[in-house]
Amino acid sequence: MSDWKCSNCGYVLQDEKPPVECPSCKEKCDFVDATCYIPDCGQTGKDPRIG
């Protein structure tokens, strides 16, 4: 599972792949993979540089 962040409203969801339409703002948005696989992210697994 990956963390996907909506580039429009900032909504974050966990799924295998990003949706076509954001469940929050109901727009067709670009989703950024906010999942982090480097040790700098600590225990959360989310990249703090993305939000």
Protein backbone atom coordinates (compact mmCIF):
# COMPACT_ATOMS: atom_id res chain seq x y z
CA MET A 1 0.00 0.00 0.00
CA SER A 2 1.14 3.51 -0.76
CA ASP A 3 0.13 6.91 0.58
CA TRP A 4 -1.28 9.13 -2.18
CA LYS A 5 -1.74 12.88 -1.74
CA CYS A 6 -4.13 14.89 -3.91
CA SER A 7 -2.31 17.78 -5.59
CA ASN A 8 -5.51 19.84 -5.50
CA CYS A 9 -6.87 19.63 -1.94
CA GLY A 10 -4.13 17.74 -0.05
CA TYR A 11 -6.29 14.73 0.84
CA VAL A 12 -4.17 11.65 1.66
CA LEU A 13 -5.33 8.07 1.21
CA GLN A 14 -3.75 4.63 1.29
CA ASP A 15 -4.25 2.37 -1.71
CA GLU A 16 -2.35 0.24 -4.21
CA LYS A 17 -2.72 2.91 -6.91
CA PRO A 18 -4.13 6.45 -6.98
CA PRO A 19 -7.79 6.93 -7.88
CA VAL A 20 -8.88 8.75 -11.02
CA GLU A 21 -11.08 11.11 -9.00
CA CYS A 22 -10.27 12.43 -5.52
CA PRO A 23 -12.74 11.12 -2.91
CA SER A 24 -12.52 14.44 -1.05
CA CYS A 25 -12.74 17.23 -3.66
CA LYS A 26 -14.35 15.06 -6.39
CA GLU A 27 -11.94 16.43 -9.02
CA LYS A 28 -9.67 14.57 -11.44
CA CYS A 29 -6.36 15.41 -9.76
CA ASP A 30 -2.75 14.38 -9.98
CA PHE A 31 -1.77 12.27 -6.99
CA VAL A 32 1.73 12.40 -5.50
CA ASP A 33 3.17 9.26 -3.93
CA ALA A 34 3.81 10.46 -0.37
CA THR A 35 5.08 7.07 0.82
CA CYS A 36 8.65 7.16 2.01
CA TYR A 37 11.01 4.21 1.98
CA ILE A 38 14.13 5.93 3.34
CA PRO A 39 15.22 5.93 7.00
CA ASP A 40 14.82 9.75 7.20
CA CYS A 41 11.05 9.26 7.43
CA GLY A 42 11.28 7.49 10.78
CA GLN A 43 8.44 5.27 11.92
CA THR A 44 5.61 7.00 10.04
CA GLY A 45 6.51 5.89 6.51
CA LYS A 46 5.27 9.26 5.21
CA ASP A 47 7.60 11.75 3.61
CA PRO A 48 7.39 14.98 5.70
CA ARG A 49 8.80 17.00 2.80
CA ILE A 50 5.62 16.33 0.83
CA GLY A 51 3.23 16.96 3.66
